[in-house]
C-alpha atoms as a PDB file:
ATOM      1  CA  MET A   1     -45.104-248.823  11.478  1.00  0.00           C
ATOM      2  CA  ASN A   2     -46.106-245.502  13.432  1.00  0.00           C
ATOM      3  CA  ARG A   3     -49.606-243.898  13.597  1.00  0.00           C
ATOM      4  CA  VAL A   4     -49.826-242.137  10.417  1.00  0.00           C
ATOM      5  CA  ASP A   5     -49.068-245.101   8.308  1.00  0.00           C
ATOM      6  CA  VAL A   6     -51.860-246.857  10.238  1.00  0.00           C
ATOM      7  CA  ILE A   7     -54.203-244.165   9.324  1.00  0.00           C
ATOM      8  CA  TRP A   8     -53.653-243.219   6.001  1.00  0.00           C
ATOM      9  CA  PRO A   9     -55.102-246.427   4.304  1.00  0.00           C
ATOM     10  CA  PHE A  10     -58.208-245.349   5.889  1.00  0.00           C
ATOM     11  CA  GLY A  11     -58.149-242.006   4.319  1.00  0.00           C
ATOM     12  CA  ARG A  12     -57.838-243.241   1.255  1.00  0.00           C
ATOM     13  CA  TYR A  13     -60.700-245.166   1.291  1.00  0.00           C
ATOM     14  CA  LEU A  14     -62.835-242.829   3.123  1.00  0.00           C
ATOM     15  CA  ILE A  15     -61.308-239.797   1.585  1.00  0.00           C
ATOM     16  CA  GLY A  16     -59.261-240.012  -1.428  1.00  0.00           C
ATOM     17  CA  TRP A  17     -61.213-242.121  -3.152  1.00  0.00           C
ATOM     18  CA  PRO A  18     -64.258-240.627  -3.143  1.00  0.00           C
ATOM     19  CA  GLY A  19     -62.560-237.368  -4.036  1.00  0.00           C
ATOM     20  CA  GLY A  20     -60.778-238.442  -7.060  1.00  0.00           C
ATOM     21  CA  LEU A  21     -63.850-240.100  -8.270  1.00  0.00           C
ATOM     22  CA  SER A  22     -65.795-237.036  -7.827  1.00  0.00           C
ATOM     23  CA  ALA A  23     -62.996-235.553 -10.357  1.00  0.00           C
ATOM     24  CA  ARG A  24     -62.837-238.526 -12.684  1.00  0.00           C
ATOM     25  CA  LEU A  25     -58.811-238.448 -11.879  1.00  0.00           C
ATOM     26  CA  ARG A  26     -56.801-239.937 -14.028  1.00  0.00           C
ATOM     27  CA  ILE A  27     -53.004-240.574 -12.793  1.00  0.00           C
ATOM     28  CA  TYR A  28     -49.912-240.314 -14.883  1.00  0.00           C
ATOM     29  CA  GLY A  29     -46.167-241.637 -14.034  1.00  0.00           C
ATOM     30  CA  LYS A  30     -46.895-242.486 -10.516  1.00  0.00           C
ATOM     31  CA  GLU A  31     -44.037-245.346 -10.739  1.00  0.00           C
ATOM     32  CA  ARG A  32     -41.849-242.817 -11.203  1.00  0.00           C
ATOM     33  CA  ILE A  33     -42.422-241.897  -7.406  1.00  0.00           C
ATOM     34  CA  PRO A  34     -39.317-243.857  -5.232  1.00  0.00           C
ATOM     35  CA  GLN A  35     -40.806-246.587  -3.129  1.00  0.00           C
ATOM     36  CA  ASP A  36     -38.974-245.355  -0.012  1.00  0.00           C
ATOM     37  CA  GLY A  37     -36.398-242.733   1.739  1.00  0.00           C
ATOM     38  CA  GLY A  38     -37.076-239.235   2.296  1.00  0.00           C
ATOM     39  CA  LEU A  39     -38.375-237.181  -0.803  1.00  0.00           C
ATOM     40  CA  VAL A  40     -40.083-233.967  -1.337  1.00  0.00           C
ATOM     41  CA  LEU A  41     -42.769-233.627  -3.400  1.00  0.00           C
ATOM     42  CA  ALA A  42     -43.663-230.497  -4.931  1.00  0.00           C
ATOM     43  CA  MET A  43     -47.219-229.885  -6.135  1.00  0.00           C
ATOM     44  CA  ASN A  44     -49.170-226.945  -7.498  1.00  0.00           C
ATOM     45  CA  HIS A  45     -52.484-225.915  -5.902  1.00  0.00           C
ATOM     46  CA  PHE A  46     -56.049-225.271  -7.521  1.00  0.00           C
ATOM     47  CA  SER A  47     -58.436-226.000  -5.046  1.00  0.00           C
ATOM     48  CA  TRP A  48     -59.267-228.063  -1.362  1.00  0.00           C
ATOM     49  CA  ILE A  49     -59.947-230.969  -3.719  1.00  0.00           C
ATOM     50  CA  ASP A  50     -56.240-231.251  -5.190  1.00  0.00           C
ATOM     51  CA  ILE A  51     -55.401-232.916  -1.329  1.00  0.00           C
ATOM     52  CA  PRO A  52     -57.461-236.116  -1.889  1.00  0.00           C
ATOM     53  CA  CYS A  53     -56.093-236.276  -5.618  1.00  0.00           C
ATOM     54  CA  PHE A  54     -52.795-236.235  -4.818  1.00  0.00           C
ATOM     55  CA  GLY A  55     -53.168-238.513  -1.774  1.00  0.00           C
ATOM     56  CA  VAL A  56     -55.013-240.837  -3.753  1.00  0.00           C
ATOM     57  CA  GLY A  57     -52.633-240.394  -6.900  1.00  0.00           C
ATOM     58  CA  CYS A  58     -49.411-241.360  -4.696  1.00  0.00           C
ATOM     59  CA  PRO A  59     -48.064-244.465  -3.859  1.00  0.00           C
ATOM     60  CA  ARG A  60     -46.513-243.098  -0.805  1.00  0.00           C
ATOM     61  CA  ASN A  61     -48.185-241.722   2.746  1.00  0.00           C
ATOM     62  CA  ILE A  62     -47.479-238.027   2.119  1.00  0.00           C
ATOM     63  CA  TYR A  63     -46.692-235.536   5.042  1.00  0.00           C
ATOM     64  CA  PHE A  64     -48.447-232.549   3.938  1.00  0.00           C
ATOM     65  CA  VAL A  65     -47.686-229.015   4.427  1.00  0.00           C
ATOM     66  CA  ALA A  66     -50.619-226.732   5.436  1.00  0.00           C
ATOM     67  CA  LYS A  67     -51.206-223.508   6.323  1.00  0.00           C
ATOM     68  CA  SER A  68     -51.288-222.991  10.213  1.00  0.00           C
ATOM     69  CA  GLU A  69     -54.953-221.254   9.552  1.00  0.00           C
ATOM     70  CA  ALA A  70     -56.055-225.031   8.625  1.00  0.00           C
ATOM     71  CA  HIS A  71     -54.759-226.347  11.798  1.00  0.00           C
ATOM     72  CA  GLU A  72     -56.441-224.026  14.097  1.00  0.00           C
ATOM     73  CA  ILE A  73     -60.062-224.697  12.834  1.00  0.00           C
ATOM     74  CA  PRO A  74     -61.642-227.292  15.339  1.00  0.00           C
ATOM     75  CA  GLY A  75     -62.199-230.700  14.126  1.00  0.00           C
ATOM     76  CA  LEU A  76     -60.480-230.155  10.800  1.00  0.00           C
ATOM     77  CA  GLY A  77     -56.788-229.182  12.896  1.00  0.00           C
ATOM     78  CA  GLN A  78     -57.093-232.242  14.815  1.00  0.00           C
ATOM     79  CA  PHE A  79     -58.070-234.509  11.432  1.00  0.00           C
ATOM     80  CA  ILE A  80     -55.571-233.367   9.169  1.00  0.00           C
ATOM     81  CA  ARG A  81     -52.744-233.587  12.015  1.00  0.00           C
ATOM     82  CA  ALA A  82     -53.851-237.632  12.413  1.00  0.00           C
ATOM     83  CA  PHE A  83     -52.233-238.157   8.798  1.00  0.00           C
ATOM     84  CA  GLY A  84     -49.335-236.776   9.641  1.00  0.00           C
ATOM     85  CA  SER A  85     -50.162-233.018   8.240  1.00  0.00           C
ATOM     86  CA  PHE A  86     -48.532-229.857  10.323  1.00  0.00           C
ATOM     87  CA  GLY A  87     -48.838-226.221  10.050  1.00  0.00           C
ATOM     88  CA  VAL A  88     -46.413-223.428   8.472  1.00  0.00           C
ATOM     89  CA  ARG A  89     -47.104-219.483   9.120  1.00  0.00           C
ATOM     90  CA  ARG A  90     -47.442-218.097   5.238  1.00  0.00           C
ATOM     91  CA  GLY A  91     -45.584-214.724   5.063  1.00  0.00           C
ATOM     92  CA  GLU A  92     -43.059-215.160   7.631  1.00  0.00           C
ATOM     93  CA  SER A  93     -40.259-217.366   8.862  1.00  0.00           C
ATOM     94  CA  ASP A  94     -41.436-220.490  10.982  1.00  0.00           C
ATOM     95  CA  ARG A  95     -38.217-222.373  12.250  1.00  0.00           C
ATOM     96  CA  GLU A  96     -40.660-224.787  13.734  1.00  0.00           C
ATOM     97  CA  ALA A  97     -42.096-225.837  10.514  1.00  0.00           C
ATOM     98  CA  VAL A  98     -38.803-225.741   8.746  1.00  0.00           C
ATOM     99  CA  ARG A  99     -37.384-228.075  11.293  1.00  0.00           C
ATOM    100  CA  ARG A 100     -40.364-230.459  11.158  1.00  0.00           C
ATOM    101  CA  MET A 101     -40.090-230.708   7.247  1.00  0.00           C
ATOM    102  CA  ARG A 102     -36.728-231.348   7.515  1.00  0.00           C
ATOM    103  CA  GLU A 103     -37.002-234.021  10.204  1.00  0.00           C
ATOM    104  CA  VAL A 104     -40.338-235.741   8.252  1.00  0.00           C
ATOM    105  CA  VAL A 105     -37.522-236.787   5.096  1.00  0.00           C
ATOM    106  CA  ARG A 106     -34.654-237.506   7.736  1.00  0.00           C
ATOM    107  CA  ASP A 107     -37.387-240.216   8.867  1.00  0.00           C
ATOM    108  CA  GLY A 108     -37.390-241.959   5.255  1.00  0.00           C
ATOM    109  CA  ASN A 109     -40.964-240.079   4.812  1.00  0.00           C
ATOM    110  CA  ALA A 110     -42.538-238.169   1.754  1.00  0.00           C
ATOM    111  CA  LEU A 111     -43.163-234.057   2.548  1.00  0.00           C
ATOM    112  CA  GLY A 112     -46.172-233.068   0.363  1.00  0.00           C
ATOM    113  CA  VAL A 113     -45.496-229.218  -0.320  1.00  0.00           C
ATOM    114  CA  PHE A 114     -48.006-226.879  -2.540  1.00  0.00           C
ATOM    115  CA  VAL A 115     -45.019-225.151  -3.707  1.00  0.00           C
ATOM    116  CA  GLU A 116     -47.071-221.544  -4.648  1.00  0.00           C
ATOM    117  CA  GLY A 117     -48.027-221.495  -0.850  1.00  0.00           C
ATOM    118  CA  THR A 118     -51.279-220.475  -1.505  1.00  0.00           C
ATOM    119  CA  ARG A 119     -54.077-221.710  -4.149  1.00  0.00           C
ATOM    120  CA  GLN A 120     -53.636-220.113  -7.436  1.00  0.00           C
ATOM    121  CA  LEU A 121     -57.012-218.536  -8.419  1.00  0.00           C
ATOM    122  CA  SER A 122     -55.879-217.838 -11.930  1.00  0.00           C
ATOM    123  CA  GLY A 123     -56.199-221.218 -12.879  1.00  0.00           C
ATOM    124  CA  VAL A 124     -52.300-221.677 -13.695  1.00  0.00           C
ATOM    125  CA  PRO A 125     -49.445-222.578 -11.627  1.00  0.00           C
ATOM    126  CA  GLY A 126     -47.705-219.710 -10.205  1.00  0.00           C
ATOM    127  CA  GLU A 127     -44.158-218.564  -8.561  1.00  0.00           C
ATOM    128  CA  VAL A 128     -42.723-221.287  -6.759  1.00  0.00           C
ATOM    129  CA  GLN A 129     -41.681-220.319  -3.218  1.00  0.00           C
ATOM    130  CA  PRO A 130     -37.992-221.624  -2.090  1.00  0.00           C
ATOM    131  CA  GLY A 131     -39.569-224.063   0.963  1.00  0.00           C
ATOM    132  CA  ALA A 132     -39.225-227.352  -1.107  1.00  0.00           C
ATOM    133  CA  ALA A 133     -35.846-226.714  -2.593  1.00  0.00           C
ATOM    134  CA  MET A 134     -34.658-225.795   1.078  1.00  0.00           C
ATOM    135  CA  VAL A 135     -35.163-229.012   2.371  1.00  0.00           C
ATOM    136  CA  ALA A 136     -34.074-231.274  -0.364  1.00  0.00           C
ATOM    137  CA  LEU A 137     -30.819-229.623  -0.630  1.00  0.00           C
ATOM    138  CA  GLN A 138     -30.164-229.249   2.945  1.00  0.00           C
ATOM    139  CA  GLU A 139     -31.206-233.204   3.606  1.00  0.00           C
ATOM    140  CA  GLY A 140     -29.863-234.321   0.119  1.00  0.00           C
ATOM    141  CA  VAL A 141     -33.295-236.168  -1.261  1.00  0.00           C
ATOM    142  CA  PRO A 142     -34.765-235.895  -4.314  1.00  0.00           C
ATOM    143  CA  VAL A 143     -37.693-234.008  -5.446  1.00  0.00           C
ATOM    144  CA  VAL A 144     -40.658-235.351  -7.602  1.00  0.00           C
ATOM    145  CA  CYS A 145     -42.877-232.649  -8.918  1.00  0.00           C
ATOM    146  CA  GLY A 146     -46.397-233.523  -9.196  1.00  0.00           C
ATOM    147  CA  ALA A 147     -48.856-231.027 -11.654  1.00  0.00           C
ATOM    148  CA  ILE A 148     -52.655-231.213 -11.552  1.00  0.00           C
ATOM    149  CA  HIS A 149     -55.097-229.935 -13.896  1.00  0.00           C
ATOM    150  CA  GLY A 150     -58.914-229.530 -14.051  1.00  0.00           C
ATOM    151  CA  THR A 151     -59.532-228.869 -10.449  1.00  0.00           C
ATOM    152  CA  GLN A 152     -59.619-224.959 -11.163  1.00  0.00           C
ATOM    153  CA  ASN A 153     -62.854-225.680 -12.797  1.00  0.00           C
ATOM    154  CA  TRP A 154     -63.868-228.311 -10.266  1.00  0.00           C
ATOM    155  CA  LYS A 155     -66.629-227.248  -7.959  1.00  0.00           C
ATOM    156  CA  LEU A 156     -69.680-229.453  -5.930  1.00  0.00           C
ATOM    157  CA  GLY A 157     -72.367-229.721  -8.375  1.00  0.00           C
ATOM    158  CA  ASN A 158     -70.299-229.845 -11.536  1.00  0.00           C
ATOM    159  CA  PHE A 159     -67.275-232.568 -10.734  1.00  0.00           C
ATOM    160  CA  ALA A 160     -64.776-231.488 -13.324  1.00  0.00           C
ATOM    161  CA  PRO A 161     -62.449-233.895 -14.690  1.00  0.00           C
ATOM    162  CA  ALA A 162     -58.748-233.914 -13.175  1.00  0.00           C
ATOM    163  CA  SER A 163     -55.506-235.362 -13.919  1.00  0.00           C
ATOM    164  CA  VAL A 164     -52.170-235.837 -11.906  1.00  0.00           C
ATOM    165  CA  ALA A 165     -48.804-236.089 -13.336  1.00  0.00           C
ATOM    166  CA  TRP A 166     -45.522-236.754 -11.646  1.00  0.00           C
ATOM    167  CA  SER A 167     -42.196-236.277 -12.841  1.00  0.00           C
ATOM    168  CA  GLU A 168     -39.277-238.374 -12.509  1.00  0.00           C
ATOM    169  CA  PRO A 169     -37.188-237.520  -9.107  1.00  0.00           C
ATOM    170  CA  LEU A 170     -34.767-234.240  -9.320  1.00  0.00           C
ATOM    171  CA  ARG A 171     -31.585-233.925  -7.873  1.00  0.00           C
ATOM    172  CA  PHE A 172     -29.877-230.785  -6.652  1.00  0.00           C
ATOM    173  CA  ASP A 173     -26.939-232.007  -4.953  1.00  0.00           C
ATOM    174  CA  SER A 174     -24.582-229.524  -6.979  1.00  0.00           C
ATOM    175  CA  TYR A 175     -26.695-226.583  -5.840  1.00  0.00           C
ATOM    176  CA  PRO A 176     -24.901-224.585  -3.113  1.00  0.00           C
ATOM    177  CA  ARG A 177     -26.897-224.956   0.237  1.00  0.00           C
ATOM    178  CA  GLY A 178     -28.094-221.254   0.387  1.00  0.00           C
ATOM    179  CA  GLY A 179     -30.134-218.543  -0.805  1.00  0.00           C
ATOM    180  CA  LYS A 180     -28.541-219.129  -4.450  1.00  0.00           C
ATOM    181  CA  GLY A 181     -29.156-222.832  -4.831  1.00  0.00           C
ATOM    182  CA  TYR A 182     -32.517-222.239  -3.288  1.00  0.00           C
ATOM    183  CA  ARG A 183     -33.573-219.726  -5.934  1.00  0.00           C
ATOM    184  CA  GLN A 184     -31.986-222.108  -8.691  1.00  0.00           C
ATOM    185  CA  ALA A 185     -33.509-225.520  -7.649  1.00  0.00           C
ATOM    186  CA  SER A 186     -36.776-223.413  -7.401  1.00  0.00           C
ATOM    187  CA  GLU A 187     -36.738-222.225 -10.467  1.00  0.00           C
ATOM    188  CA  GLU A 188     -36.307-225.847 -11.974  1.00  0.00           C
ATOM    189  CA  ILE A 189     -38.971-227.271  -9.843  1.00  0.00           C
ATOM    190  CA  GLY A 190     -41.086-224.602 -11.351  1.00  0.00           C
ATOM    191  CA  LYS A 191     -40.487-224.977 -14.687  1.00  0.00           C
ATOM    192  CA  GLU A 192     -40.905-228.892 -14.136  1.00  0.00           C
ATOM    193  CA  ILE A 193     -44.561-228.430 -12.947  1.00  0.00           C
ATOM    194  CA  ARG A 194     -45.303-226.129 -15.686  1.00  0.00           C
ATOM    195  CA  ARG A 195     -44.104-228.357 -18.252  1.00  0.00           C
ATOM    196  CA  LEU A 196     -46.587-231.196 -16.763  1.00  0.00           C
ATOM    197  CA  TRP A 197     -49.304-229.032 -16.540  1.00  0.00           C
ATOM    198  CA  GLU A 198     -49.026-227.623 -20.060  1.00  0.00           C
ATOM    199  CA  TRP A 199     -48.481-231.713 -20.759  1.00  0.00           C
ATOM    200  CA  LEU A 200     -51.783-232.010 -19.013  1.00  0.00           C
ATOM    201  CA  ARG A 201     -53.537-229.365 -20.760  1.00  0.00           C
ATOM    202  CA  GLU A 202     -52.772-231.303 -24.007  1.00  0.00           C
ATOM    203  CA  ILE A 203     -53.888-234.471 -22.558  1.00  0.00           C
ATOM    204  CA  HIS A 204     -57.108-233.247 -21.553  1.00  0.00           C
ATOM    205  CA  ALA A 205     -58.062-231.958 -25.418  1.00  0.00           C
ATOM    206  CA  ALA A 206     -56.916-235.557 -26.610  1.00  0.00           C
ATOM    207  CA  GLY A 207     -59.228-237.259 -24.257  1.00  0.00           C
ATOM    208  CA  ARG A 208     -57.253-237.979 -21.684  1.00  0.00           C
ATOM    209  CA  PRO A 209     -55.690-241.390 -22.718  1.00  0.00           C
ATOM    210  CA  ARG A 210     -54.945-243.752 -19.939  1.00  0.00           C
ATOM    211  CA  ASN A 211     -51.503-244.952 -21.207  1.00  0.00           C
ATOM    212  CA  ALA A 212     -49.981-241.774 -21.936  1.00  0.00           C
ATOM    213  CA  VAL A 213     -46.541-241.102 -20.548  1.00  0.00           C
ATOM    214  CA  PRO A 214     -45.311-237.747 -19.108  1.00  0.00           C
ATOM    215  CA  PRO A 215     -42.642-236.183 -20.631  1.00  0.00           C
ATOM    216  CA  LYS A 216     -39.315-236.651 -19.515  1.00  0.00           C
ATOM    217  CA  SER A 217     -37.768-234.043 -17.057  1.00  0.00           C
ATOM    218  CA  GLY A 218     -35.936-231.537 -18.841  1.00  0.00           C
END
């Protein structure tokens, strides 16, 4: 057991559960997430509260990829690194970050990627960047998509309800390792996130029944 595995249970208790409670979080499909082995979690992103919501909504310890600016904030940077998070420079090639992403899944861990690269202020999932697909193809690991809905309306004082839905594991072993394969896989990831997110919208309109089951991967 490494340092990150020791710290994560405390993080779930001190941050994850309070965050989830503040969003009245419902989680759908977490039993679909493989219990061990390298894995890429490809997620959409609306708000900072997404991080504790996904963290408490996943049975695995997540090594989040975060923007490098967050790691440069005194106190915050040291804190998130304790949970295995590492930075990536947005909008430019970052070979060290890519090396670290591949290393995380190669060591049998779950890599968490907010695939749009930044928060979507429009309130709907955005275009998927190729990082998650590239790691999955290069390392031959599955992708589980995670959609979140409701946090686009959440803020301190209103505590809007939020829900997370997970997909079945997706494999891209037949895709070419290169730009074309990364684009094709990213398109499939984007479609799956959008499918889950639209399902969550319907679930919210129906009162968020606890026993609902996310759609099977298309």
